[in-house]
Amino acid sequence: MSATWDPPPPRRSGTSLLPVLIPIAVLIVAAVAVGSWLQFSERQAGDRVRTAGSTAADRVDVEATVQRVDAAGRELVLRVRVVPRGALGEEDGTAPVAGLGLQTSAATLGDLAFKAHERLTPRDVQVALTGGSIGDYPFDTYKTDIEFRAVMDGRQVPVRILFSNNDTLFSVTAEPLTARQEAVLGLSVARSGSLLVFVGFMMVVMWALAASVIIGTWYLMTRGEGLVWPALAWMAATLFALSAFRNTAPGTPPIGCVLDWFAFLWAESIIALCLIAVVVTGVRTSLRQKDAA
């Protein structure tokens, strides 16, 4: 009796997803690694404390921290904490041994005065910014100087400034300008790296949406589809959603800034013109079809 032959089972159709999933996983890991490195670098730059002034044992330390940068008002807010060291302070530097005055630069709005033997509390001072324009958002930059000169009991005493930045929307670089008893720092203020990346992503998205609407318009006008209401609703929703998306830009950019002229205004104009063209073409096509029927 002859042996029977069974045909092999049919192989499953389709290709494996592994060659696709592996590159995607590699890209995700690389993106997370680059993002982690950028976030860590920006955090390190924000936590860095820059110093200027005297290092004498008997001195006045001024801890100045940027709390907020108001680009529209062209000023920044400094939180100042004063700590007298050595023979100039008492109770571990919480109070001066005599009347203490801090004279500031012309850009700082107002000097500071502290009474003898009274507990020192932080003060907020406003510093005017020069140069730059908020219309250059997000590439606007500003400059200013901060200076502190300490006078105790009628005589000048050494002072040292410890500068840091707490505003995550701006990066501030500080350079010492003098080595005398006064402490002077030259500040350069610019938008942070995270904000630049986010605004750049917004501009790419705006142009991508405009390009997608152009492609949809070309398809509808060349196919003679008439009035396609789902497509019109999508275009109209994109037109209004783009305005809301633009308003999510951090730092409340003004109308007419670089963001608008590089992407937003052009994308809005293109989408509006495409919507009008689709409506006009669709109405004419529908009328012709109705007359032919």
C-alpha atoms as a PDB file:
ATOM      1  CA  MET A   1       0.000   0.000   0.000  1.00  0.00           C
ATOM      2  CA  SER A   2       1.527   3.284  -1.095  1.00  0.00           C
ATOM      3  CA  ALA A   3       2.104   6.074   1.451  1.00  0.00           C
ATOM      4  CA  THR A   4      -0.101   9.106   1.197  1.00  0.00           C
ATOM      5  CA  TRP A   5       1.432  12.592   0.761  1.00  0.00           C
ATOM      6  CA  ASP A   6      -0.004  15.507   2.677  1.00  0.00           C
ATOM      7  CA  PRO A   7       0.616  18.963   1.225  1.00  0.00           C
ATOM      8  CA  PRO A   8       2.323  21.444   3.574  1.00  0.00           C
ATOM      9  CA  PRO A   9       0.054  23.914   5.332  1.00  0.00           C
ATOM     10  CA  PRO A  10      -0.284  27.244   3.533  1.00  0.00           C
ATOM     11  CA  ARG A  11       2.047  29.970   4.785  1.00  0.00           C
ATOM     12  CA  ARG A  12       0.574  33.062   6.307  1.00  0.00           C
ATOM     13  CA  SER A  13       0.461  36.024   3.979  1.00  0.00           C
ATOM     14  CA  GLY A  14       1.949  39.363   4.924  1.00  0.00           C
ATOM     15  CA  THR A  15       5.325  40.508   6.131  1.00  0.00           C
ATOM     16  CA  SER A  16       6.738  40.686   9.626  1.00  0.00           C
ATOM     17  CA  LEU A  17       6.441  43.946  11.574  1.00  0.00           C
ATOM     18  CA  LEU A  18       9.831  43.467  13.204  1.00  0.00           C
ATOM     19  CA  PRO A  19      11.843  45.329  10.525  1.00  0.00           C
ATOM     20  CA  VAL A  20       9.496  48.299  11.007  1.00  0.00           C
ATOM     21  CA  LEU A  21       9.289  48.240  14.799  1.00  0.00           C
ATOM     22  CA  ILE A  22      13.044  48.093  15.374  1.00  0.00           C
ATOM     23  CA  PRO A  23      13.848  51.415  13.586  1.00  0.00           C
ATOM     24  CA  ILE A  24      10.892  53.070  15.325  1.00  0.00           C
ATOM     25  CA  ALA A  25      12.147  51.894  18.706  1.00  0.00           C
ATOM     26  CA  VAL A  26      15.659  53.119  17.907  1.00  0.00           C
ATOM     27  CA  LEU A  27      14.311  56.542  16.897  1.00  0.00           C
ATOM     28  CA  ILE A  28      12.264  56.779  20.094  1.00  0.00           C
ATOM     29  CA  VAL A  29      15.248  55.905  22.274  1.00  0.00           C
ATOM     30  CA  ALA A  30      17.458  58.391  20.396  1.00  0.00           C
ATOM     31  CA  ALA A  31      14.849  61.160  20.719  1.00  0.00           C
ATOM     32  CA  VAL A  32      14.429  60.537  24.453  1.00  0.00           C
ATOM     33  CA  ALA A  33      18.216  60.498  24.933  1.00  0.00           C
ATOM     34  CA  VAL A  34      18.697  63.783  23.067  1.00  0.00           C
ATOM     35  CA  GLY A  35      15.778  65.374  24.912  1.00  0.00           C
ATOM     36  CA  SER A  36      17.136  64.236  28.282  1.00  0.00           C
ATOM     37  CA  TRP A  37      20.556  65.671  27.468  1.00  0.00           C
ATOM     38  CA  LEU A  38      19.086  69.009  26.373  1.00  0.00           C
ATOM     39  CA  GLN A  39      16.858  69.215  29.452  1.00  0.00           C
ATOM     40  CA  PHE A  40      19.748  68.389  31.773  1.00  0.00           C
ATOM     41  CA  SER A  41      22.019  70.953  30.099  1.00  0.00           C
ATOM     42  CA  GLU A  42      19.383  73.667  30.336  1.00  0.00           C
ATOM     43  CA  ARG A  43      18.691  72.848  33.972  1.00  0.00           C
ATOM     44  CA  GLN A  44      22.403  72.974  34.797  1.00  0.00           C
ATOM     45  CA  ALA A  45      22.661  76.373  33.128  1.00  0.00           C
ATOM     46  CA  GLY A  46      19.638  77.608  35.092  1.00  0.00           C
ATOM     47  CA  ASP A  47      20.990  76.348  38.426  1.00  0.00           C
ATOM     48  CA  ARG A  48      24.413  77.898  37.899  1.00  0.00           C
ATOM     49  CA  VAL A  49      25.310  80.687  40.333  1.00  0.00           C
ATOM     50  CA  ARG A  50      27.612  83.437  39.019  1.00  0.00           C
ATOM     51  CA  THR A  51      29.603  85.593  41.410  1.00  0.00           C
ATOM     52  CA  ALA A  52      31.291  88.986  41.214  1.00  0.00           C
ATOM     53  CA  GLY A  53      32.837  91.386  43.685  1.00  0.00           C
ATOM     54  CA  SER A  54      35.006  91.093  46.776  1.00  0.00           C
ATOM     55  CA  THR A  55      35.926  87.893  48.602  1.00  0.00           C
ATOM     56  CA  ALA A  56      36.980  89.570  51.868  1.00  0.00           C
ATOM     57  CA  ALA A  57      35.962  87.953  55.141  1.00  0.00           C
ATOM     58  CA  ASP A  58      34.037  91.052  56.248  1.00  0.00           C
ATOM     59  CA  ARG A  59      31.692  91.722  53.353  1.00  0.00           C
ATOM     60  CA  VAL A  60      28.071  91.907  52.327  1.00  0.00           C
ATOM     61  CA  ASP A  61      26.708  89.092  50.166  1.00  0.00           C
ATOM     62  CA  VAL A  62      23.873  89.979  47.820  1.00  0.00           C
ATOM     63  CA  GLU A  63      21.953  86.981  46.481  1.00  0.00           C
ATOM     64  CA  ALA A  64      20.109  88.262  43.384  1.00  0.00           C
ATOM     65  CA  THR A  65      17.724  85.892  41.603  1.00  0.00           C
ATOM     66  CA  VAL A  66      15.722  86.657  38.463  1.00  0.00           C
ATOM     67  CA  GLN A  67      12.083  85.893  39.224  1.00  0.00           C
ATOM     68  CA  ARG A  68      10.433  87.115  36.043  1.00  0.00           C
ATOM     69  CA  VAL A  69      11.388  88.784  32.774  1.00  0.00           C
ATOM     70  CA  ASP A  70       8.745  91.066  31.266  1.00  0.00           C
ATOM     71  CA  ALA A  71       9.797  91.564  27.655  1.00  0.00           C
ATOM     72  CA  ALA A  72       6.741  93.692  26.842  1.00  0.00           C
ATOM     73  CA  GLY A  73       7.468  96.009  29.779  1.00  0.00           C
ATOM     74  CA  ARG A  74      11.229  95.807  29.109  1.00  0.00           C
ATOM     75  CA  GLU A  75      12.146  94.968  32.684  1.00  0.00           C
ATOM     76  CA  LEU A  76      13.094  92.040  34.894  1.00  0.00           C
ATOM     77  CA  VAL A  77      12.291  91.451  38.539  1.00  0.00           C
ATOM     78  CA  LEU A  78      15.167  90.599  40.870  1.00  0.00           C
ATOM     79  CA  ARG A  79      14.641  89.068  44.301  1.00  0.00           C
ATOM     80  CA  VAL A  80      17.463  90.370  46.470  1.00  0.00           C
ATOM     81  CA  ARG A  81      18.552  88.718  49.720  1.00  0.00           C
ATOM     82  CA  VAL A  82      21.270  90.489  51.701  1.00  0.00           C
ATOM     83  CA  VAL A  83      23.581  88.604  54.083  1.00  0.00           C
ATOM     84  CA  PRO A  84      26.304  90.523  56.009  1.00  0.00           C
ATOM     85  CA  ARG A  85      29.340  88.366  56.692  1.00  0.00           C
ATOM     86  CA  GLY A  86      32.021  88.445  59.393  1.00  0.00           C
ATOM     87  CA  ALA A  87      32.105  91.514  61.613  1.00  0.00           C
ATOM     88  CA  LEU A  88      29.402  93.229  59.534  1.00  0.00           C
ATOM     89  CA  GLY A  89      26.631  90.873  60.595  1.00  0.00           C
ATOM     90  CA  GLU A  90      25.114  89.391  63.699  1.00  0.00           C
ATOM     91  CA  GLU A  91      23.021  86.292  64.380  1.00  0.00           C
ATOM     92  CA  ASP A  92      24.672  84.368  61.535  1.00  0.00           C
ATOM     93  CA  GLY A  93      24.157  87.192  59.064  1.00  0.00           C
ATOM     94  CA  THR A  94      20.455  87.682  59.628  1.00  0.00           C
ATOM     95  CA  ALA A  95      20.894  91.322  60.750  1.00  0.00           C
ATOM     96  CA  PRO A  96      23.502  94.074  60.168  1.00  0.00           C
ATOM     97  CA  VAL A  97      25.487  95.545  63.058  1.00  0.00           C
ATOM     98  CA  ALA A  98      24.764  99.050  61.764  1.00  0.00           C
ATOM     99  CA  GLY A  99      22.562 100.796  59.241  1.00  0.00           C
ATOM    100  CA  LEU A 100      23.151  99.223  55.833  1.00  0.00           C
ATOM    101  CA  GLY A 101      22.412 100.778  52.463  1.00  0.00           C
ATOM    102  CA  LEU A 102      22.708  99.194  49.031  1.00  0.00           C
ATOM    103  CA  GLN A 103      23.183 101.623  46.181  1.00  0.00           C
ATOM    104  CA  THR A 104      22.212 100.169  42.803  1.00  0.00           C
ATOM    105  CA  SER A 105      22.850 101.016  39.160  1.00  0.00           C
ATOM    106  CA  ALA A 106      20.848 103.502  37.112  1.00  0.00           C
ATOM    107  CA  ALA A 107      18.943 100.637  35.466  1.00  0.00           C
ATOM    108  CA  THR A 108      17.668  99.440  38.863  1.00  0.00           C
ATOM    109  CA  LEU A 109      14.589 101.264  40.086  1.00  0.00           C
ATOM    110  CA  GLY A 110      15.491 102.299  43.623  1.00  0.00           C
ATOM    111  CA  ASP A 111      18.146 101.722  46.283  1.00  0.00           C
ATOM    112  CA  LEU A 112      17.760  99.478  49.335  1.00  0.00           C
ATOM    113  CA  ALA A 113      18.109 100.446  52.988  1.00  0.00           C
ATOM    114  CA  PHE A 114      18.152  98.234  56.099  1.00  0.00           C
ATOM    115  CA  LYS A 115      18.094  99.291  59.740  1.00  0.00           C
ATOM    116  CA  ALA A 116      20.671  98.135  62.266  1.00  0.00           C
ATOM    117  CA  HIS A 117      19.961  94.992  64.319  1.00  0.00           C
ATOM    118  CA  GLU A 118      16.757  94.278  62.376  1.00  0.00           C
ATOM    119  CA  ARG A 119      16.153  91.001  60.594  1.00  0.00           C
ATOM    120  CA  LEU A 120      16.911  91.171  56.870  1.00  0.00           C
ATOM    121  CA  THR A 121      14.118  90.114  54.529  1.00  0.00           C
ATOM    122  CA  PRO A 122      14.242  89.569  50.755  1.00  0.00           C
ATOM    123  CA  ARG A 123      13.271  92.518  48.547  1.00  0.00           C
ATOM    124  CA  ASP A 124      12.044  92.581  44.956  1.00  0.00           C
ATOM    125  CA  VAL A 125      13.556  95.234  42.699  1.00  0.00           C
ATOM    126  CA  GLN A 126      12.866  96.066  39.064  1.00  0.00           C
ATOM    127  CA  VAL A 127      15.671  96.382  36.532  1.00  0.00           C
ATOM    128  CA  ALA A 128      15.150  98.087  33.173  1.00  0.00           C
ATOM    129  CA  LEU A 129      16.190  96.261  30.005  1.00  0.00           C
ATOM    130  CA  THR A 130      17.823  97.898  27.007  1.00  0.00           C
ATOM    131  CA  GLY A 131      18.251  96.831  23.396  1.00  0.00           C
ATOM    132  CA  GLY A 132      16.197  94.305  21.491  1.00  0.00           C
ATOM    133  CA  SER A 133      12.508  94.334  20.603  1.00  0.00           C
ATOM    134  CA  ILE A 134       9.706  91.967  21.525  1.00  0.00           C
ATOM    135  CA  GLY A 135       8.701  92.077  17.856  1.00  0.00           C
ATOM    136  CA  ASP A 136      11.690  89.784  17.218  1.00  0.00           C
ATOM    137  CA  TYR A 137      10.031  87.008  19.253  1.00  0.00           C
ATOM    138  CA  PRO A 138      11.310  84.311  19.720  1.00  0.00           C
ATOM    139  CA  PHE A 139      14.756  85.637  18.749  1.00  0.00           C
ATOM    140  CA  ASP A 140      14.617  88.825  20.838  1.00  0.00           C
ATOM    141  CA  THR A 141      17.567  89.588  23.140  1.00  0.00           C
ATOM    142  CA  TYR A 142      18.096  92.263  25.776  1.00  0.00           C
ATOM    143  CA  LYS A 143      20.927  93.671  27.876  1.00  0.00           C
ATOM    144  CA  THR A 144      21.265  95.398  31.231  1.00  0.00           C
ATOM    145  CA  ASP A 145      23.683  95.949  34.122  1.00  0.00           C
ATOM    146  CA  ILE A 146      23.145  95.266  37.807  1.00  0.00           C
ATOM    147  CA  GLU A 147      25.388  96.911  40.363  1.00  0.00           C
ATOM    148  CA  PHE A 148      25.469  96.893  44.166  1.00  0.00           C
ATOM    149  CA  ARG A 149      27.539  99.218  46.341  1.00  0.00           C
ATOM    150  CA  ALA A 150      27.263  98.632  50.098  1.00  0.00           C
ATOM    151  CA  VAL A 151      27.535 101.465  52.631  1.00  0.00           C
ATOM    152  CA  MET A 152      27.418 100.693  56.360  1.00  0.00           C
ATOM    153  CA  ASP A 153      27.475 103.384  58.999  1.00  0.00           C
ATOM    154  CA  GLY A 154      28.630 105.967  56.470  1.00  0.00           C
ATOM    155  CA  ARG A 155      31.563 104.022  55.044  1.00  0.00           C
ATOM    156  CA  GLN A 156      31.823 101.772  52.020  1.00  0.00           C
ATOM    157  CA  VAL A 157      32.237  98.068  52.707  1.00  0.00           C
ATOM    158  CA  PRO A 158      33.098  95.192  50.339  1.00  0.00           C
ATOM    159  CA  VAL A 159      30.198  93.513  48.586  1.00  0.00           C
ATOM    160  CA  ARG A 160      29.826  90.320  46.578  1.00  0.00           C
ATOM    161  CA  ILE A 161      26.916  89.381  44.336  1.00  0.00           C
ATOM    162  CA  LEU A 162      25.654  85.840  43.758  1.00  0.00           C
ATOM    163  CA  PHE A 163      23.437  85.811  40.674  1.00  0.00           C
ATOM    164  CA  SER A 164      21.034  83.094  39.479  1.00  0.00           C
ATOM    165  CA  ASN A 165      17.991  82.776  37.214  1.00  0.00           C
ATOM    166  CA  ASN A 166      14.588  81.229  38.003  1.00  0.00           C
ATOM    167  CA  ASP A 167      12.691  82.251  34.832  1.00  0.00           C
ATOM    168  CA  THR A 168      12.427  79.126  32.671  1.00  0.00           C
ATOM    169  CA  LEU A 169      11.302  81.108  29.594  1.00  0.00           C
ATOM    170  CA  PHE A 170      14.569  83.059  29.423  1.00  0.00           C
ATOM    171  CA  SER A 171      18.260  82.253  29.623  1.00  0.00           C
ATOM    172  CA  VAL A 172      20.444  84.870  31.300  1.00  0.00           C
ATOM    173  CA  THR A 173      24.211  85.089  30.966  1.00  0.00           C
ATOM    174  CA  ALA A 174      26.199  87.251  33.384  1.00  0.00           C
ATOM    175  CA  GLU A 175      29.710  88.640  33.043  1.00  0.00           C
ATOM    176  CA  PRO A 176      31.549  90.543  35.831  1.00  0.00           C
ATOM    177  CA  LEU A 177      32.489  94.064  34.769  1.00  0.00           C
ATOM    178  CA  THR A 178      34.712  95.223  37.635  1.00  0.00           C
ATOM    179  CA  ALA A 179      36.915  93.912  40.463  1.00  0.00           C
ATOM    180  CA  ARG A 180      36.539  96.849  42.847  1.00  0.00           C
ATOM    181  CA  GLN A 181      34.556  96.871  46.069  1.00  0.00           C
ATOM    182  CA  GLU A 182      31.397  97.304  44.019  1.00  0.00           C
ATOM    183  CA  ALA A 183      29.850  94.225  42.445  1.00  0.00           C
ATOM    184  CA  VAL A 184      28.788  94.754  38.826  1.00  0.00           C
ATOM    185  CA  LEU A 185      27.409  92.206  36.369  1.00  0.00           C
ATOM    186  CA  GLY A 186      26.546  92.683  32.707  1.00  0.00           C
ATOM    187  CA  LEU A 187      23.465  90.636  31.806  1.00  0.00           C
ATOM    188  CA  SER A 188      22.396  89.294  28.425  1.00  0.00           C
ATOM    189  CA  VAL A 189      18.818  88.037  28.299  1.00  0.00           C
ATOM    190  CA  ALA A 190      17.482  85.746  25.553  1.00  0.00           C
ATOM    191  CA  ARG A 191      14.719  83.187  25.119  1.00  0.00           C
ATOM    192  CA  SER A 192      15.458  79.753  26.520  1.00  0.00           C
ATOM    193  CA  GLY A 193      16.368  76.802  24.337  1.00  0.00           C
ATOM    194  CA  SER A 194      13.149  74.954  25.178  1.00  0.00           C
ATOM    195  CA  LEU A 195      11.071  77.925  24.057  1.00  0.00           C
ATOM    196  CA  LEU A 196      12.995  78.187  20.776  1.00  0.00           C
ATOM    197  CA  VAL A 197      12.449  74.492  20.061  1.00  0.00           C
ATOM    198  CA  PHE A 198       8.741  74.740  20.876  1.00  0.00           C
ATOM    199  CA  VAL A 199       8.162  77.818  18.707  1.00  0.00           C
ATOM    200  CA  GLY A 200      10.148  76.242  15.869  1.00  0.00           C
ATOM    201  CA  PHE A 201       7.912  73.168  16.120  1.00  0.00           C
ATOM    202  CA  MET A 202       4.852  75.427  15.999  1.00  0.00           C
ATOM    203  CA  MET A 203       6.039  77.068  12.770  1.00  0.00           C
ATOM    204  CA  VAL A 204       6.681  73.665  11.165  1.00  0.00           C
ATOM    205  CA  VAL A 205       3.197  72.490  12.153  1.00  0.00           C
ATOM    206  CA  MET A 206       1.605  75.645  10.727  1.00  0.00           C
ATOM    207  CA  TRP A 207       3.295  75.173   7.352  1.00  0.00           C
ATOM    208  CA  ALA A 208       2.449  71.440   7.377  1.00  0.00           C
ATOM    209  CA  LEU A 209      -1.243  72.197   7.942  1.00  0.00           C
ATOM    210  CA  ALA A 210      -1.191  74.770   5.163  1.00  0.00           C
ATOM    211  CA  ALA A 211       0.447  72.259   2.802  1.00  0.00           C
ATOM    212  CA  SER A 212      -2.144  69.601   3.654  1.00  0.00           C
ATOM    213  CA  VAL A 213      -4.967  72.038   2.893  1.00  0.00           C
ATOM    214  CA  ILE A 214      -3.329  72.912  -0.447  1.00  0.00           C
ATOM    215  CA  ILE A 215      -3.154  69.212  -1.367  1.00  0.00           C
ATOM    216  CA  GLY A 216      -6.801  68.706  -0.389  1.00  0.00           C
ATOM    217  CA  THR A 217      -7.828  71.734  -2.421  1.00  0.00           C
ATOM    218  CA  TRP A 218      -5.979  70.484  -5.485  1.00  0.00           C
ATOM    219  CA  TYR A 219      -7.693  67.088  -5.195  1.00  0.00           C
ATOM    220  CA  LEU A 220     -11.195  68.537  -4.858  1.00  0.00           C
ATOM    221  CA  MET A 221     -10.768  71.035  -7.687  1.00  0.00           C
ATOM    222  CA  THR A 222      -9.301  68.520 -10.150  1.00  0.00           C
ATOM    223  CA  ARG A 223     -11.785  65.727  -9.406  1.00  0.00           C
ATOM    224  CA  GLY A 224     -14.885  67.851  -9.808  1.00  0.00           C
ATOM    225  CA  GLU A 225     -16.425  66.556  -6.589  1.00  0.00           C
ATOM    226  CA  GLY A 226     -18.731  69.527  -6.050  1.00  0.00           C
ATOM    227  CA  LEU A 227     -19.435  70.695  -2.515  1.00  0.00           C
ATOM    228  CA  VAL A 228     -17.851  68.133  -0.195  1.00  0.00           C
ATOM    229  CA  TRP A 229     -19.086  69.269   3.202  1.00  0.00           C
ATOM    230  CA  PRO A 230     -16.738  67.147   5.361  1.00  0.00           C
ATOM    231  CA  ALA A 231     -13.752  68.615   3.526  1.00  0.00           C
ATOM    232  CA  LEU A 232     -15.085  72.147   3.927  1.00  0.00           C
ATOM    233  CA  ALA A 233     -15.665  71.548   7.638  1.00  0.00           C
ATOM    234  CA  TRP A 234     -12.098  70.270   8.022  1.00  0.00           C
ATOM    235  CA  MET A 235     -10.649  73.318   6.266  1.00  0.00           C
ATOM    236  CA  ALA A 236     -12.743  75.748   8.310  1.00  0.00           C
ATOM    237  CA  ALA A 237     -11.818  73.972  11.538  1.00  0.00           C
ATOM    238  CA  THR A 238      -8.137  74.156  10.600  1.00  0.00           C
ATOM    239  CA  LEU A 239      -8.482  77.881   9.904  1.00  0.00           C
ATOM    240  CA  PHE A 240      -9.836  78.650  13.374  1.00  0.00           C
ATOM    241  CA  ALA A 241      -7.796  76.023  15.216  1.00  0.00           C
ATOM    242  CA  LEU A 242      -4.598  77.571  13.899  1.00  0.00           C
ATOM    243  CA  SER A 243      -5.410  80.847  15.667  1.00  0.00           C
ATOM    244  CA  ALA A 244      -5.938  79.045  18.971  1.00  0.00           C
ATOM    245  CA  PHE A 245      -2.734  77.093  18.408  1.00  0.00           C
ATOM    246  CA  ARG A 246      -0.811  80.303  17.823  1.00  0.00           C
ATOM    247  CA  ASN A 247      -2.085  81.741  21.120  1.00  0.00           C
ATOM    248  CA  THR A 248      -0.533  78.827  23.022  1.00  0.00           C
ATOM    249  CA  ALA A 249       2.956  80.155  22.221  1.00  0.00           C
ATOM    250  CA  PRO A 250       4.751  80.757  25.558  1.00  0.00           C
ATOM    251  CA  GLY A 251       5.527  84.309  26.545  1.00  0.00           C
ATOM    252  CA  THR A 252       2.413  85.883  24.926  1.00  0.00           C
ATOM    253  CA  PRO A 253       4.061  87.112  21.702  1.00  0.00           C
ATOM    254  CA  PRO A 254       2.552  90.269  20.180  1.00  0.00           C
ATOM    255  CA  ILE A 255       0.811  90.367  16.827  1.00  0.00           C
ATOM    256  CA  GLY A 256       3.308  90.996  14.038  1.00  0.00           C
ATOM    257  CA  CYS A 257       6.285  89.220  15.596  1.00  0.00           C
ATOM    258  CA  VAL A 258       8.663  86.889  13.764  1.00  0.00           C
ATOM    259  CA  LEU A 259       6.414  83.897  14.498  1.00  0.00           C
ATOM    260  CA  ASP A 260       3.561  85.557  12.593  1.00  0.00           C
ATOM    261  CA  TRP A 261       5.574  86.672   9.571  1.00  0.00           C
ATOM    262  CA  PHE A 262       7.490  83.406   9.293  1.00  0.00           C
ATOM    263  CA  ALA A 263       4.517  81.052   9.518  1.00  0.00           C
ATOM    264  CA  PHE A 264       1.184  82.011  11.101  1.00  0.00           C
ATOM    265  CA  LEU A 265      -0.051  84.825   8.842  1.00  0.00           C
ATOM    266  CA  TRP A 266       0.960  82.999   5.654  1.00  0.00           C
ATOM    267  CA  ALA A 267      -0.597  79.709   6.796  1.00  0.00           C
ATOM    268  CA  GLU A 268      -3.864  81.468   7.713  1.00  0.00           C
ATOM    269  CA  SER A 269      -3.953  83.278   4.364  1.00  0.00           C
ATOM    270  CA  ILE A 270      -3.295  80.085   2.389  1.00  0.00           C
ATOM    271  CA  ILE A 271      -5.981  78.120   4.228  1.00  0.00           C
ATOM    272  CA  ALA A 272      -8.549  80.913   3.827  1.00  0.00           C
ATOM    273  CA  LEU A 273      -7.861  81.243   0.081  1.00  0.00           C
ATOM    274  CA  CYS A 274      -8.041  77.471  -0.399  1.00  0.00           C
ATOM    275  CA  LEU A 275     -11.360  77.346   1.437  1.00  0.00           C
ATOM    276  CA  ILE A 276     -12.797  80.089  -0.775  1.00  0.00           C
ATOM    277  CA  ALA A 277     -11.489  78.400  -3.934  1.00  0.00           C
ATOM    278  CA  VAL A 278     -13.040  75.041  -2.985  1.00  0.00           C
ATOM    279  CA  VAL A 279     -16.407  76.659  -2.258  1.00  0.00           C
ATOM    280  CA  VAL A 280     -16.476  78.590  -5.555  1.00  0.00           C
ATOM    281  CA  THR A 281     -15.366  75.576  -7.601  1.00  0.00           C
ATOM    282  CA  GLY A 282     -17.780  73.282  -5.774  1.00  0.00           C
ATOM    283  CA  VAL A 283     -20.757  75.580  -6.379  1.00  0.00           C
ATOM    284  CA  ARG A 284     -19.958  75.871 -10.100  1.00  0.00           C
ATOM    285  CA  THR A 285     -19.552  72.087 -10.396  1.00  0.00           C
ATOM    286  CA  SER A 286     -22.846  71.438  -8.580  1.00  0.00           C
ATOM    287  CA  LEU A 287     -24.682  73.901 -10.829  1.00  0.00           C
ATOM    288  CA  ARG A 288     -23.301  72.279 -13.964  1.00  0.00           C
ATOM    289  CA  GLN A 289     -24.298  68.834 -12.748  1.00  0.00           C
ATOM    290  CA  LYS A 290     -27.791  70.084 -11.939  1.00  0.00           C
ATOM    291  CA  ASP A 291     -28.186  71.667 -15.396  1.00  0.00           C
ATOM    292  CA  ALA A 292     -26.956  68.515 -17.082  1.00  0.00           C
ATOM    293  CA  ALA A 293     -29.457  66.398 -15.154  1.00  0.00           C
END
